[in-house]
Amino acid sequence: MKRRRWAVWILLLALVAAAAWWRLGRGVEVTTVAPTRGTAVEIVYATGAVEPVQWAKVASLIRDRIVELCDCEGKPVKQGDVLARLEDREQRAQLQELKAREEFAKRELARVTELINRNAATTQSYERASMDLRSVQALIAVQEEKLADYLIRAPIDGIVLRRDGEVGEIAETGQVLFRVGMPKPLQVVAEVNEEDIPRVALGQAVLFRTDAFPDRRLEGKVREITPMGDPAAKTYRIRIALPDDTPLHIGMSVECNVVTREKPGALLVPADAVQGATLFVVEGDRARRREVAVGIRGTRMVEVLSGLAEDARVVSPAPGGLADGARVRATPRSAP
């Protein structure tokens, strides 16, 4: 019985030792890539949205109920066309009252004029009647200006890109009800962090990424840089011109990569292989730390200027805590 227990314990110890050797003695599992030659690209990252170059938001200037809305989304309109009307019965009633007062003031002025012609009235009476007429006419002009605010008109020629709100809803002051603009040309309006804006210049190429077109190469060029930044958000606005044949749609969100520097024929390794100015290479079954001179750092690839042989096996990604000289088990993979 005792011999059987000892045999069990010896077997368990052997299994533990074998597992420890399998886990530790065989080394850390890593993947390796070979450095490649290609174009090193330095980029500035930004996020933005697609907009027409010429467009305008159409907002309500007053708060009142919507009583009419045009069926014009996606249709062309001319500057001045009525897009919507707000409830204006009270304002129209006030206008009619003022016009009635105007008619009375006109008749009164005519009566006083006739009396003056017959020397039956004074010039003061004429001036008072004339002033009353001018006063009510001024009130009519003010009321007509107020009524104009109840009609929401197209500010420019273009297409109604979007219509918001429904008949019966209350339009709040400043609420955007329409967006009117030309569908071409388009641009991307993006925000760049203030620490990156010194590297951005007019004419630089921009590469876009969007979930709508994951496999298409989308490009543009920096067309405008806003001189003044937003001190709260710490960003600067840039406008990026898009080609006429761009598949991007108005309102799409995009990731922008502004190409600030390019260098062809550079020695490249994946960005996840480089930690500061060091990386690991595999020699035999050991990982060796290498100090390298780094050039252009891209989002996916990093240029190595010196300190790395072109036939090296570079650990990518570099695992945390890997020690110089550690035993490793390397599996090759394709460079990105």
C-alpha atoms as a PDB file:
ATOM      1  CA  MET A   1       0.000   0.000   0.000  1.00  0.00           C
ATOM      2  CA  LYS A   2       2.794   2.393   0.941  1.00  0.00           C
ATOM      3  CA  ARG A   3       4.673   1.520  -2.221  1.00  0.00           C
ATOM      4  CA  ARG A   4       1.585   2.353  -4.258  1.00  0.00           C
ATOM      5  CA  ARG A   5       1.280   5.782  -2.577  1.00  0.00           C
ATOM      6  CA  TRP A   6       4.923   6.521  -3.213  1.00  0.00           C
ATOM      7  CA  ALA A   7       4.478   5.558  -6.859  1.00  0.00           C
ATOM      8  CA  VAL A   8       1.530   7.944  -7.169  1.00  0.00           C
ATOM      9  CA  TRP A   9       3.507  10.812  -5.616  1.00  0.00           C
ATOM     10  CA  ILE A  10       6.497  10.146  -7.845  1.00  0.00           C
ATOM     11  CA  LEU A  11       4.214  10.136 -10.903  1.00  0.00           C
ATOM     12  CA  LEU A  12       2.614  13.428  -9.865  1.00  0.00           C
ATOM     13  CA  LEU A  13       6.014  15.052  -9.300  1.00  0.00           C
ATOM     14  CA  ALA A  14       7.147  13.822 -12.699  1.00  0.00           C
ATOM     15  CA  LEU A  15       4.060  15.297 -14.332  1.00  0.00           C
ATOM     16  CA  VAL A  16       4.617  18.656 -12.590  1.00  0.00           C
ATOM     17  CA  ALA A  17       8.264  18.678 -13.630  1.00  0.00           C
ATOM     18  CA  ALA A  18       7.326  17.823 -17.204  1.00  0.00           C
ATOM     19  CA  ALA A  19       4.704  20.594 -17.271  1.00  0.00           C
ATOM     20  CA  ALA A  20       7.209  23.094 -15.862  1.00  0.00           C
ATOM     21  CA  TRP A  21       9.765  22.118 -18.459  1.00  0.00           C
ATOM     22  CA  TRP A  22       7.133  22.311 -21.189  1.00  0.00           C
ATOM     23  CA  ARG A  23       6.086  25.774 -20.038  1.00  0.00           C
ATOM     24  CA  LEU A  24       9.417  27.273 -19.053  1.00  0.00           C
ATOM     25  CA  GLY A  25      12.181  25.173 -20.514  1.00  0.00           C
ATOM     26  CA  ARG A  26      10.845  25.347 -24.068  1.00  0.00           C
ATOM     27  CA  GLY A  27      10.756  29.151 -23.923  1.00  0.00           C
ATOM     28  CA  VAL A  28       8.248  31.944 -24.546  1.00  0.00           C
ATOM     29  CA  GLU A  29       6.127  31.660 -27.685  1.00  0.00           C
ATOM     30  CA  VAL A  30       6.737  34.613 -30.055  1.00  0.00           C
ATOM     31  CA  THR A  31       6.067  35.431 -33.678  1.00  0.00           C
ATOM     32  CA  THR A  32       8.687  36.964 -35.946  1.00  0.00           C
ATOM     33  CA  VAL A  33       8.746  38.979 -39.162  1.00  0.00           C
ATOM     34  CA  ALA A  34      11.474  39.959 -41.570  1.00  0.00           C
ATOM     35  CA  PRO A  35      12.177  43.675 -42.154  1.00  0.00           C
ATOM     36  CA  THR A  36      10.934  44.940 -45.507  1.00  0.00           C
ATOM     37  CA  ARG A  37      11.819  47.752 -47.879  1.00  0.00           C
ATOM     38  CA  GLY A  38       9.089  50.230 -48.687  1.00  0.00           C
ATOM     39  CA  THR A  39       7.859  53.787 -48.336  1.00  0.00           C
ATOM     40  CA  ALA A  40       7.912  55.138 -44.797  1.00  0.00           C
ATOM     41  CA  VAL A  41       4.949  57.419 -44.197  1.00  0.00           C
ATOM     42  CA  GLU A  42       4.497  59.886 -41.360  1.00  0.00           C
ATOM     43  CA  ILE A  43       0.906  60.888 -40.792  1.00  0.00           C
ATOM     44  CA  VAL A  44      -1.198  63.201 -38.653  1.00  0.00           C
ATOM     45  CA  TYR A  45      -4.420  61.586 -37.516  1.00  0.00           C
ATOM     46  CA  ALA A  46      -7.742  63.432 -37.440  1.00  0.00           C
ATOM     47  CA  THR A  47     -11.455  62.706 -37.539  1.00  0.00           C
ATOM     48  CA  GLY A  48     -13.916  64.509 -39.728  1.00  0.00           C
ATOM     49  CA  ALA A  49     -17.176  64.461 -41.681  1.00  0.00           C
ATOM     50  CA  VAL A  50     -18.092  64.892 -45.330  1.00  0.00           C
ATOM     51  CA  GLU A  51     -19.794  68.178 -46.236  1.00  0.00           C
ATOM     52  CA  PRO A  52     -20.611  70.096 -49.406  1.00  0.00           C
ATOM     53  CA  VAL A  53     -18.293  73.006 -50.132  1.00  0.00           C
ATOM     54  CA  GLN A  54     -21.358  75.237 -50.617  1.00  0.00           C
ATOM     55  CA  TRP A  55     -24.195  74.690 -48.187  1.00  0.00           C
ATOM     56  CA  ALA A  56     -26.175  76.362 -45.434  1.00  0.00           C
ATOM     57  CA  LYS A  57     -28.184  75.419 -42.382  1.00  0.00           C
ATOM     58  CA  VAL A  58     -31.680  76.921 -42.353  1.00  0.00           C
ATOM     59  CA  ALA A  59     -32.937  77.592 -38.834  1.00  0.00           C
ATOM     60  CA  SER A  60     -36.071  79.088 -37.347  1.00  0.00           C
ATOM     61  CA  LEU A  61     -35.635  82.620 -35.980  1.00  0.00           C
ATOM     62  CA  ILE A  62     -38.659  82.360 -33.709  1.00  0.00           C
ATOM     63  CA  ARG A  63     -40.478  79.780 -31.588  1.00  0.00           C
ATOM     64  CA  ASP A  64     -43.831  78.707 -32.975  1.00  0.00           C
ATOM     65  CA  ARG A  65     -45.781  75.798 -34.425  1.00  0.00           C
ATOM     66  CA  ILE A  66     -44.952  74.430 -37.890  1.00  0.00           C
ATOM     67  CA  VAL A  67     -48.068  74.576 -40.121  1.00  0.00           C
ATOM     68  CA  GLU A  68     -46.493  73.901 -43.547  1.00  0.00           C
ATOM     69  CA  LEU A  69     -43.428  71.984 -44.752  1.00  0.00           C
ATOM     70  CA  CYS A  70     -42.339  71.558 -48.336  1.00  0.00           C
ATOM     71  CA  ASP A  71     -42.044  68.050 -49.797  1.00  0.00           C
ATOM     72  CA  CYS A  72     -38.619  68.946 -51.133  1.00  0.00           C
ATOM     73  CA  GLU A  73     -35.995  66.713 -49.513  1.00  0.00           C
ATOM     74  CA  GLY A  74     -33.543  65.747 -52.231  1.00  0.00           C
ATOM     75  CA  LYS A  75     -35.068  68.249 -54.669  1.00  0.00           C
ATOM     76  CA  PRO A  76     -33.605  71.465 -56.127  1.00  0.00           C
ATOM     77  CA  VAL A  77     -34.713  74.840 -54.771  1.00  0.00           C
ATOM     78  CA  LYS A  78     -33.941  78.440 -55.639  1.00  0.00           C
ATOM     79  CA  GLN A  79     -32.853  81.176 -53.289  1.00  0.00           C
ATOM     80  CA  GLY A  80     -35.966  82.656 -51.661  1.00  0.00           C
ATOM     81  CA  ASP A  81     -38.214  79.624 -52.168  1.00  0.00           C
ATOM     82  CA  VAL A  82     -40.496  78.999 -49.178  1.00  0.00           C
ATOM     83  CA  LEU A  83     -39.519  75.785 -47.385  1.00  0.00           C
ATOM     84  CA  ALA A  84     -41.773  76.049 -44.338  1.00  0.00           C
ATOM     85  CA  ARG A  85     -44.315  78.300 -42.646  1.00  0.00           C
ATOM     86  CA  LEU A  86     -44.937  78.794 -38.943  1.00  0.00           C
ATOM     87  CA  GLU A  87     -48.234  79.683 -37.289  1.00  0.00           C
ATOM     88  CA  ASP A  88     -48.738  83.436 -37.980  1.00  0.00           C
ATOM     89  CA  ARG A  89     -52.476  84.102 -37.477  1.00  0.00           C
ATOM     90  CA  GLU A  90     -51.926  86.486 -34.571  1.00  0.00           C
ATOM     91  CA  GLN A  91     -49.257  88.420 -36.441  1.00  0.00           C
ATOM     92  CA  ARG A  92     -51.473  88.701 -39.543  1.00  0.00           C
ATOM     93  CA  ALA A  93     -54.361  89.947 -37.437  1.00  0.00           C
ATOM     94  CA  GLN A  94     -52.128  92.655 -36.008  1.00  0.00           C
ATOM     95  CA  LEU A  95     -51.060  93.595 -39.531  1.00  0.00           C
ATOM     96  CA  GLN A  96     -54.669  93.914 -40.659  1.00  0.00           C
ATOM     97  CA  GLU A  97     -55.399  96.155 -37.672  1.00  0.00           C
ATOM     98  CA  LEU A  98     -52.433  98.380 -38.561  1.00  0.00           C
ATOM     99  CA  LYS A  99     -53.556  98.611 -42.183  1.00  0.00           C
ATOM    100  CA  ALA A 100     -57.023  99.654 -41.040  1.00  0.00           C
ATOM    101  CA  ARG A 101     -55.390 102.393 -38.944  1.00  0.00           C
ATOM    102  CA  GLU A 102     -53.376 103.378 -42.029  1.00  0.00           C
ATOM    103  CA  GLU A 103     -56.544 103.792 -44.094  1.00  0.00           C
ATOM    104  CA  PHE A 104     -58.072 105.929 -41.363  1.00  0.00           C
ATOM    105  CA  ALA A 105     -54.882 108.044 -41.142  1.00  0.00           C
ATOM    106  CA  LYS A 106     -54.919 108.546 -44.931  1.00  0.00           C
ATOM    107  CA  ARG A 107     -58.535 109.688 -44.870  1.00  0.00           C
ATOM    108  CA  GLU A 108     -57.798 112.002 -41.956  1.00  0.00           C
ATOM    109  CA  LEU A 109     -54.834 113.523 -43.786  1.00  0.00           C
ATOM    110  CA  ALA A 110     -56.965 114.024 -46.904  1.00  0.00           C
ATOM    111  CA  ARG A 111     -59.702 115.715 -44.814  1.00  0.00           C
ATOM    112  CA  VAL A 112     -57.212 118.052 -43.138  1.00  0.00           C
ATOM    113  CA  THR A 113     -55.641 118.850 -46.504  1.00  0.00           C
ATOM    114  CA  GLU A 114     -59.063 119.800 -47.865  1.00  0.00           C
ATOM    115  CA  LEU A 115     -59.723 122.008 -44.829  1.00  0.00           C
ATOM    116  CA  ILE A 116     -56.380 123.760 -45.265  1.00  0.00           C
ATOM    117  CA  ASN A 117     -57.203 124.430 -48.926  1.00  0.00           C
ATOM    118  CA  ARG A 118     -60.339 126.179 -47.644  1.00  0.00           C
ATOM    119  CA  ASN A 119     -58.391 127.946 -44.888  1.00  0.00           C
ATOM    120  CA  ALA A 120     -60.437 126.033 -42.306  1.00  0.00           C
ATOM    121  CA  ALA A 121     -57.543 124.208 -40.598  1.00  0.00           C
ATOM    122  CA  THR A 122     -54.075 125.055 -39.304  1.00  0.00           C
ATOM    123  CA  THR A 123     -50.728 123.701 -40.522  1.00  0.00           C
ATOM    124  CA  GLN A 124     -50.293 122.112 -37.097  1.00  0.00           C
ATOM    125  CA  SER A 125     -53.345 119.943 -37.799  1.00  0.00           C
ATOM    126  CA  TYR A 126     -51.853 118.891 -41.129  1.00  0.00           C
ATOM    127  CA  GLU A 127     -48.486 118.039 -39.554  1.00  0.00           C
ATOM    128  CA  ARG A 128     -50.173 116.009 -36.828  1.00  0.00           C
ATOM    129  CA  ALA A 129     -52.218 114.022 -39.347  1.00  0.00           C
ATOM    130  CA  SER A 130     -49.154 113.490 -41.521  1.00  0.00           C
ATOM    131  CA  MET A 131     -47.122 112.293 -38.531  1.00  0.00           C
ATOM    132  CA  ASP A 132     -49.899 109.867 -37.520  1.00  0.00           C
ATOM    133  CA  LEU A 133     -49.843 108.366 -41.024  1.00  0.00           C
ATOM    134  CA  ARG A 134     -46.053 107.995 -41.084  1.00  0.00           C
ATOM    135  CA  SER A 135     -46.113 106.415 -37.610  1.00  0.00           C
ATOM    136  CA  VAL A 136     -48.634 103.738 -38.540  1.00  0.00           C
ATOM    137  CA  GLN A 137     -46.808 103.047 -41.812  1.00  0.00           C
ATOM    138  CA  ALA A 138     -43.598 102.487 -39.836  1.00  0.00           C
ATOM    139  CA  LEU A 139     -45.441 100.036 -37.568  1.00  0.00           C
ATOM    140  CA  ILE A 140     -46.712  98.213 -40.669  1.00  0.00           C
ATOM    141  CA  ALA A 141     -43.158  97.883 -41.987  1.00  0.00           C
ATOM    142  CA  VAL A 142     -42.010  96.449 -38.657  1.00  0.00           C
ATOM    143  CA  GLN A 143     -44.934  94.013 -38.577  1.00  0.00           C
ATOM    144  CA  GLU A 144     -44.222  92.853 -42.136  1.00  0.00           C
ATOM    145  CA  GLU A 145     -40.602  92.188 -41.140  1.00  0.00           C
ATOM    146  CA  LYS A 146     -41.867  90.108 -38.223  1.00  0.00           C
ATOM    147  CA  LEU A 147     -44.169  88.159 -40.533  1.00  0.00           C
ATOM    148  CA  ALA A 148     -41.250  87.421 -42.829  1.00  0.00           C
ATOM    149  CA  ASP A 149     -39.656  85.459 -39.983  1.00  0.00           C
ATOM    150  CA  TYR A 150     -42.612  83.065 -40.067  1.00  0.00           C
ATOM    151  CA  LEU A 151     -41.687  82.043 -43.601  1.00  0.00           C
ATOM    152  CA  ILE A 152     -38.539  79.905 -43.773  1.00  0.00           C
ATOM    153  CA  ARG A 153     -36.901  80.392 -47.162  1.00  0.00           C
ATOM    154  CA  ALA A 154     -33.983  78.817 -48.993  1.00  0.00           C
ATOM    155  CA  PRO A 155     -30.906  81.047 -48.470  1.00  0.00           C
ATOM    156  CA  ILE A 156     -29.098  79.776 -51.583  1.00  0.00           C
ATOM    157  CA  ASP A 157     -29.708  77.768 -54.748  1.00  0.00           C
ATOM    158  CA  GLY A 158     -29.132  74.071 -54.250  1.00  0.00           C
ATOM    159  CA  ILE A 159     -30.572  70.742 -53.201  1.00  0.00           C
ATOM    160  CA  VAL A 160     -32.488  70.209 -49.972  1.00  0.00           C
ATOM    161  CA  LEU A 161     -30.005  67.791 -48.435  1.00  0.00           C
ATOM    162  CA  ARG A 162     -32.061  67.126 -45.326  1.00  0.00           C
ATOM    163  CA  ARG A 163     -35.364  68.168 -43.789  1.00  0.00           C
ATOM    164  CA  ASP A 164     -36.105  67.918 -40.066  1.00  0.00           C
ATOM    165  CA  GLY A 165     -39.295  68.584 -38.147  1.00  0.00           C
ATOM    166  CA  GLU A 166     -42.926  67.742 -38.882  1.00  0.00           C
ATOM    167  CA  VAL A 167     -46.136  69.724 -39.289  1.00  0.00           C
ATOM    168  CA  GLY A 168     -47.627  70.357 -35.860  1.00  0.00           C
ATOM    169  CA  GLU A 169     -44.319  70.360 -33.988  1.00  0.00           C
ATOM    170  CA  ILE A 170     -42.984  73.426 -32.211  1.00  0.00           C
ATOM    171  CA  ALA A 171     -39.938  74.875 -33.924  1.00  0.00           C
ATOM    172  CA  GLU A 172     -37.553  76.269 -31.331  1.00  0.00           C
ATOM    173  CA  THR A 173     -35.544  79.424 -31.915  1.00  0.00           C
ATOM    174  CA  GLY A 174     -32.330  78.466 -33.679  1.00  0.00           C
ATOM    175  CA  GLN A 175     -33.528  74.944 -34.488  1.00  0.00           C
ATOM    176  CA  VAL A 176     -32.131  73.769 -37.836  1.00  0.00           C
ATOM    177  CA  LEU A 177     -35.002  72.595 -40.036  1.00  0.00           C
ATOM    178  CA  PHE A 178     -33.271  72.331 -43.412  1.00  0.00           C
ATOM    179  CA  ARG A 179     -29.834  71.889 -44.908  1.00  0.00           C
ATOM    180  CA  VAL A 180     -29.505  73.259 -48.418  1.00  0.00           C
ATOM    181  CA  GLY A 181     -26.437  72.990 -50.616  1.00  0.00           C
ATOM    182  CA  MET A 182     -24.797  71.794 -53.788  1.00  0.00           C
ATOM    183  CA  PRO A 183     -24.067  68.027 -53.826  1.00  0.00           C
ATOM    184  CA  LYS A 184     -20.745  68.638 -55.599  1.00  0.00           C
ATOM    185  CA  PRO A 185     -17.943  69.459 -54.912  1.00  0.00           C
ATOM    186  CA  LEU A 186     -17.500  67.818 -51.520  1.00  0.00           C
ATOM    187  CA  GLN A 187     -14.977  68.292 -48.742  1.00  0.00           C
ATOM    188  CA  VAL A 188     -14.060  66.748 -45.403  1.00  0.00           C
ATOM    189  CA  VAL A 189     -14.024  69.078 -42.410  1.00  0.00           C
ATOM    190  CA  ALA A 190     -11.707  67.609 -39.770  1.00  0.00           C
ATOM    191  CA  GLU A 191     -10.281  68.548 -36.374  1.00  0.00           C
ATOM    192  CA  VAL A 192      -6.505  68.249 -35.794  1.00  0.00           C
ATOM    193  CA  ASN A 193      -4.909  68.343 -32.337  1.00  0.00           C
ATOM    194  CA  GLU A 194      -2.992  71.555 -31.694  1.00  0.00           C
ATOM    195  CA  GLU A 195       0.313  69.713 -31.149  1.00  0.00           C
ATOM    196  CA  ASP A 196       0.032  68.206 -34.647  1.00  0.00           C
ATOM    197  CA  ILE A 197      -1.132  71.250 -36.621  1.00  0.00           C
ATOM    198  CA  PRO A 198       2.423  72.652 -37.235  1.00  0.00           C
ATOM    199  CA  ARG A 199       3.096  69.587 -39.420  1.00  0.00           C
ATOM    200  CA  VAL A 200       0.000  70.101 -41.579  1.00  0.00           C
ATOM    201  CA  ALA A 201       0.349  72.184 -44.764  1.00  0.00           C
ATOM    202  CA  LEU A 202      -1.815  73.098 -47.750  1.00  0.00           C
ATOM    203  CA  GLY A 203      -1.700  70.586 -50.592  1.00  0.00           C
ATOM    204  CA  GLN A 204      -0.724  67.579 -48.467  1.00  0.00           C
ATOM    205  CA  ALA A 205      -2.312  64.268 -49.448  1.00  0.00           C
ATOM    206  CA  VAL A 206      -4.873  62.758 -47.081  1.00  0.00           C
ATOM    207  CA  LEU A 207      -5.908  59.101 -46.885  1.00  0.00           C
ATOM    208  CA  PHE A 208      -9.346  58.263 -45.502  1.00  0.00           C
ATOM    209  CA  ARG A 209     -10.764  55.247 -43.737  1.00  0.00           C
ATOM    210  CA  THR A 210     -14.463  54.599 -43.278  1.00  0.00           C
ATOM    211  CA  ASP A 211     -16.556  51.557 -42.475  1.00  0.00           C
ATOM    212  CA  ALA A 212     -18.739  52.290 -45.512  1.00  0.00           C
ATOM    213  CA  PHE A 213     -15.863  51.547 -47.929  1.00  0.00           C
ATOM    214  CA  PRO A 214     -13.377  49.386 -45.991  1.00  0.00           C
ATOM    215  CA  ASP A 215     -11.527  48.090 -49.066  1.00  0.00           C
ATOM    216  CA  ARG A 216     -11.332  51.254 -51.185  1.00  0.00           C
ATOM    217  CA  ARG A 217      -8.480  53.731 -51.360  1.00  0.00           C
ATOM    218  CA  LEU A 218      -9.961  57.152 -50.613  1.00  0.00           C
ATOM    219  CA  GLU A 219      -7.863  60.283 -51.028  1.00  0.00           C
ATOM    220  CA  GLY A 220      -8.067  64.041 -50.769  1.00  0.00           C
ATOM    221  CA  LYS A 221      -5.867  67.119 -50.372  1.00  0.00           C
ATOM    222  CA  VAL A 222      -5.648  69.718 -47.627  1.00  0.00           C
ATOM    223  CA  ARG A 223      -7.406  72.798 -49.041  1.00  0.00           C
ATOM    224  CA  GLU A 224      -7.701  75.108 -46.052  1.00  0.00           C
ATOM    225  CA  ILE A 225      -6.397  75.452 -42.491  1.00  0.00           C
ATOM    226  CA  THR A 226      -8.388  77.639 -40.120  1.00  0.00           C
ATOM    227  CA  PRO A 227      -5.978  80.252 -38.677  1.00  0.00           C
ATOM    228  CA  MET A 228      -7.535  80.246 -35.205  1.00  0.00           C
ATOM    229  CA  GLY A 229      -7.942  77.083 -33.146  1.00  0.00           C
ATOM    230  CA  ASP A 230     -10.467  76.118 -30.506  1.00  0.00           C
ATOM    231  CA  PRO A 231      -8.773  76.736 -27.120  1.00  0.00           C
ATOM    232  CA  ALA A 232     -11.339  74.584 -25.289  1.00  0.00           C
ATOM    233  CA  ALA A 233     -11.044  71.505 -27.521  1.00  0.00           C
ATOM    234  CA  LYS A 234      -7.378  72.268 -28.344  1.00  0.00           C
ATOM    235  CA  THR A 235      -7.955  71.543 -32.020  1.00  0.00           C
ATOM    236  CA  TYR A 236      -7.645  73.289 -35.370  1.00  0.00           C
ATOM    237  CA  ARG A 237     -10.106  72.861 -38.205  1.00  0.00           C
ATOM    238  CA  ILE A 238      -8.885  71.837 -41.638  1.00  0.00           C
ATOM    239  CA  ARG A 239     -10.843  71.407 -44.876  1.00  0.00           C
ATOM    240  CA  ILE A 240      -9.855  68.636 -47.260  1.00  0.00           C
ATOM    241  CA  ALA A 241     -10.912  68.746 -50.917  1.00  0.00           C
ATOM    242  CA  LEU A 242     -12.368  65.550 -52.365  1.00  0.00           C
ATOM    243  CA  PRO A 243     -12.248  64.503 -56.043  1.00  0.00           C
ATOM    244  CA  ASP A 244     -15.490  64.699 -58.029  1.00  0.00           C
ATOM    245  CA  ASP A 245     -15.656  60.906 -58.338  1.00  0.00           C
ATOM    246  CA  THR A 246     -15.409  60.234 -54.605  1.00  0.00           C
ATOM    247  CA  PRO A 247     -17.865  57.583 -53.388  1.00  0.00           C
ATOM    248  CA  LEU A 248     -18.196  59.300 -49.997  1.00  0.00           C
ATOM    249  CA  HIS A 249     -21.647  60.621 -49.121  1.00  0.00           C
ATOM    250  CA  ILE A 250     -22.559  63.844 -47.365  1.00  0.00           C
ATOM    251  CA  GLY A 251     -22.620  63.341 -43.603  1.00  0.00           C
ATOM    252  CA  MET A 252     -20.312  60.306 -43.495  1.00  0.00           C
ATOM    253  CA  SER A 253     -17.742  60.232 -40.700  1.00  0.00           C
ATOM    254  CA  VAL A 254     -14.177  59.400 -41.734  1.00  0.00           C
ATOM    255  CA  GLU A 255     -10.768  58.860 -40.192  1.00  0.00           C
ATOM    256  CA  CYS A 256      -8.201  61.129 -41.812  1.00  0.00           C
ATOM    257  CA  ASN A 257      -4.504  60.376 -42.189  1.00  0.00           C
ATOM    258  CA  VAL A 258      -2.701  63.509 -43.379  1.00  0.00           C
ATOM    259  CA  VAL A 259       0.560  62.460 -45.035  1.00  0.00           C
ATOM    260  CA  THR A 260       3.150  64.896 -43.698  1.00  0.00           C
ATOM    261  CA  ARG A 261       6.304  63.066 -44.850  1.00  0.00           C
ATOM    262  CA  GLU A 262       7.227  60.173 -47.184  1.00  0.00           C
ATOM    263  CA  LYS A 263      10.506  58.325 -47.709  1.00  0.00           C
ATOM    264  CA  PRO A 264      10.784  55.573 -50.325  1.00  0.00           C
ATOM    265  CA  GLY A 265      13.153  52.628 -49.957  1.00  0.00           C
ATOM    266  CA  ALA A 266      13.123  52.681 -46.144  1.00  0.00           C
ATOM    267  CA  LEU A 267      13.802  49.630 -43.965  1.00  0.00           C
ATOM    268  CA  LEU A 268      10.510  48.949 -42.197  1.00  0.00           C
ATOM    269  CA  VAL A 269       9.346  46.850 -39.249  1.00  0.00           C
ATOM    270  CA  PRO A 270       5.871  46.664 -37.676  1.00  0.00           C
ATOM    271  CA  ALA A 271       5.153  49.411 -35.168  1.00  0.00           C
ATOM    272  CA  ASP A 272       4.241  46.869 -32.484  1.00  0.00           C
ATOM    273  CA  ALA A 273       7.793  45.470 -32.618  1.00  0.00           C
ATOM    274  CA  VAL A 274       9.440  48.715 -31.511  1.00  0.00           C
ATOM    275  CA  GLN A 275       9.478  49.844 -27.888  1.00  0.00           C
ATOM    276  CA  GLY A 276      11.007  53.297 -27.727  1.00  0.00           C
ATOM    277  CA  ALA A 277      14.304  52.744 -29.562  1.00  0.00           C
ATOM    278  CA  THR A 278      14.633  49.006 -28.937  1.00  0.00           C
ATOM    279  CA  LEU A 279      13.313  45.814 -30.438  1.00  0.00           C
ATOM    280  CA  PHE A 280      13.982  42.076 -30.095  1.00  0.00           C
ATOM    281  CA  VAL A 281      15.419  39.724 -32.683  1.00  0.00           C
ATOM    282  CA  VAL A 282      15.586  35.936 -32.485  1.00  0.00           C
ATOM    283  CA  GLU A 283      18.974  34.264 -32.777  1.00  0.00           C
ATOM    284  CA  GLY A 284      18.755  30.500 -32.520  1.00  0.00           C
ATOM    285  CA  ASP A 285      16.324  29.943 -29.665  1.00  0.00           C
ATOM    286  CA  ARG A 286      17.150  33.159 -27.802  1.00  0.00           C
ATOM    287  CA  ALA A 287      15.671  36.668 -27.885  1.00  0.00           C
ATOM    288  CA  ARG A 288      18.240  39.440 -28.199  1.00  0.00           C
ATOM    289  CA  ARG A 289      17.504  43.088 -27.477  1.00  0.00           C
ATOM    290  CA  ARG A 290      18.752  45.513 -30.140  1.00  0.00           C
ATOM    291  CA  GLU A 291      19.150  49.284 -29.840  1.00  0.00           C
ATOM    292  CA  VAL A 292      18.099  50.845 -33.150  1.00  0.00           C
ATOM    293  CA  ALA A 293      17.938  54.323 -34.649  1.00  0.00           C
ATOM    294  CA  VAL A 294      14.326  55.042 -35.551  1.00  0.00           C
ATOM    295  CA  GLY A 295      13.244  57.360 -38.365  1.00  0.00           C
ATOM    296  CA  ILE A 296       9.674  57.919 -39.480  1.00  0.00           C
ATOM    297  CA  ARG A 297       7.070  56.409 -37.180  1.00  0.00           C
ATOM    298  CA  GLY A 298       3.855  55.476 -38.930  1.00  0.00           C
ATOM    299  CA  THR A 299       0.704  53.984 -37.456  1.00  0.00           C
ATOM    300  CA  ARG A 300       1.516  50.501 -38.794  1.00  0.00           C
ATOM    301  CA  MET A 301       5.208  50.558 -39.762  1.00  0.00           C
ATOM    302  CA  VAL A 302       8.344  52.192 -38.360  1.00  0.00           C
ATOM    303  CA  GLU A 303      11.506  53.098 -40.272  1.00  0.00           C
ATOM    304  CA  VAL A 304      14.773  51.698 -38.867  1.00  0.00           C
ATOM    305  CA  LEU A 305      17.787  53.786 -39.821  1.00  0.00           C
ATOM    306  CA  SER A 306      20.515  51.625 -38.278  1.00  0.00           C
ATOM    307  CA  GLY A 307      21.164  48.795 -35.829  1.00  0.00           C
ATOM    308  CA  LEU A 308      19.200  46.095 -37.651  1.00  0.00           C
ATOM    309  CA  ALA A 309      20.222  43.604 -40.323  1.00  0.00           C
ATOM    310  CA  GLU A 310      17.846  43.131 -43.243  1.00  0.00           C
ATOM    311  CA  ASP A 311      17.791  39.338 -42.705  1.00  0.00           C
ATOM    312  CA  ALA A 312      16.982  39.616 -38.990  1.00  0.00           C
ATOM    313  CA  ARG A 313      14.047  37.803 -37.407  1.00  0.00           C
ATOM    314  CA  VAL A 314      12.212  40.576 -35.568  1.00  0.00           C
ATOM    315  CA  VAL A 315       9.836  39.718 -32.726  1.00  0.00           C
ATOM    316  CA  SER A 316       6.425  41.207 -33.512  1.00  0.00           C
ATOM    317  CA  PRO A 317       4.556  42.018 -31.418  1.00  0.00           C
ATOM    318  CA  ALA A 318       7.140  42.398 -28.669  1.00  0.00           C
ATOM    319  CA  PRO A 319       5.712  40.700 -25.550  1.00  0.00           C
ATOM    320  CA  GLY A 320       5.867  42.637 -22.314  1.00  0.00           C
ATOM    321  CA  GLY A 321       8.519  41.510 -19.854  1.00  0.00           C
ATOM    322  CA  LEU A 322      10.648  39.688 -22.417  1.00  0.00           C
ATOM    323  CA  ALA A 323      14.264  39.645 -21.158  1.00  0.00           C
ATOM    324  CA  ASP A 324      17.421  39.870 -23.205  1.00  0.00           C
ATOM    325  CA  GLY A 325      18.655  36.324 -23.787  1.00  0.00           C
ATOM    326  CA  ALA A 326      15.385  34.662 -22.858  1.00  0.00           C
ATOM    327  CA  ARG A 327      14.637  31.307 -24.450  1.00  0.00           C
ATOM    328  CA  VAL A 328      11.885  31.620 -27.059  1.00  0.00           C
ATOM    329  CA  ARG A 329       9.944  29.506 -29.501  1.00  0.00           C
ATOM    330  CA  ALA A 330       9.590  31.542 -32.681  1.00  0.00           C
ATOM    331  CA  THR A 331       6.862  31.191 -35.307  1.00  0.00           C
ATOM    332  CA  PRO A 332       7.244  33.228 -38.500  1.00  0.00           C
ATOM    333  CA  ARG A 333       4.363  35.333 -39.796  1.00  0.00           C
ATOM    334  CA  SER A 334       3.852  37.651 -42.740  1.00  0.00           C
ATOM    335  CA  ALA A 335       4.712  41.315 -42.231  1.00  0.00           C
ATOM    336  CA  PRO A 336       1.655  43.616 -42.379  1.00  0.00           C
END
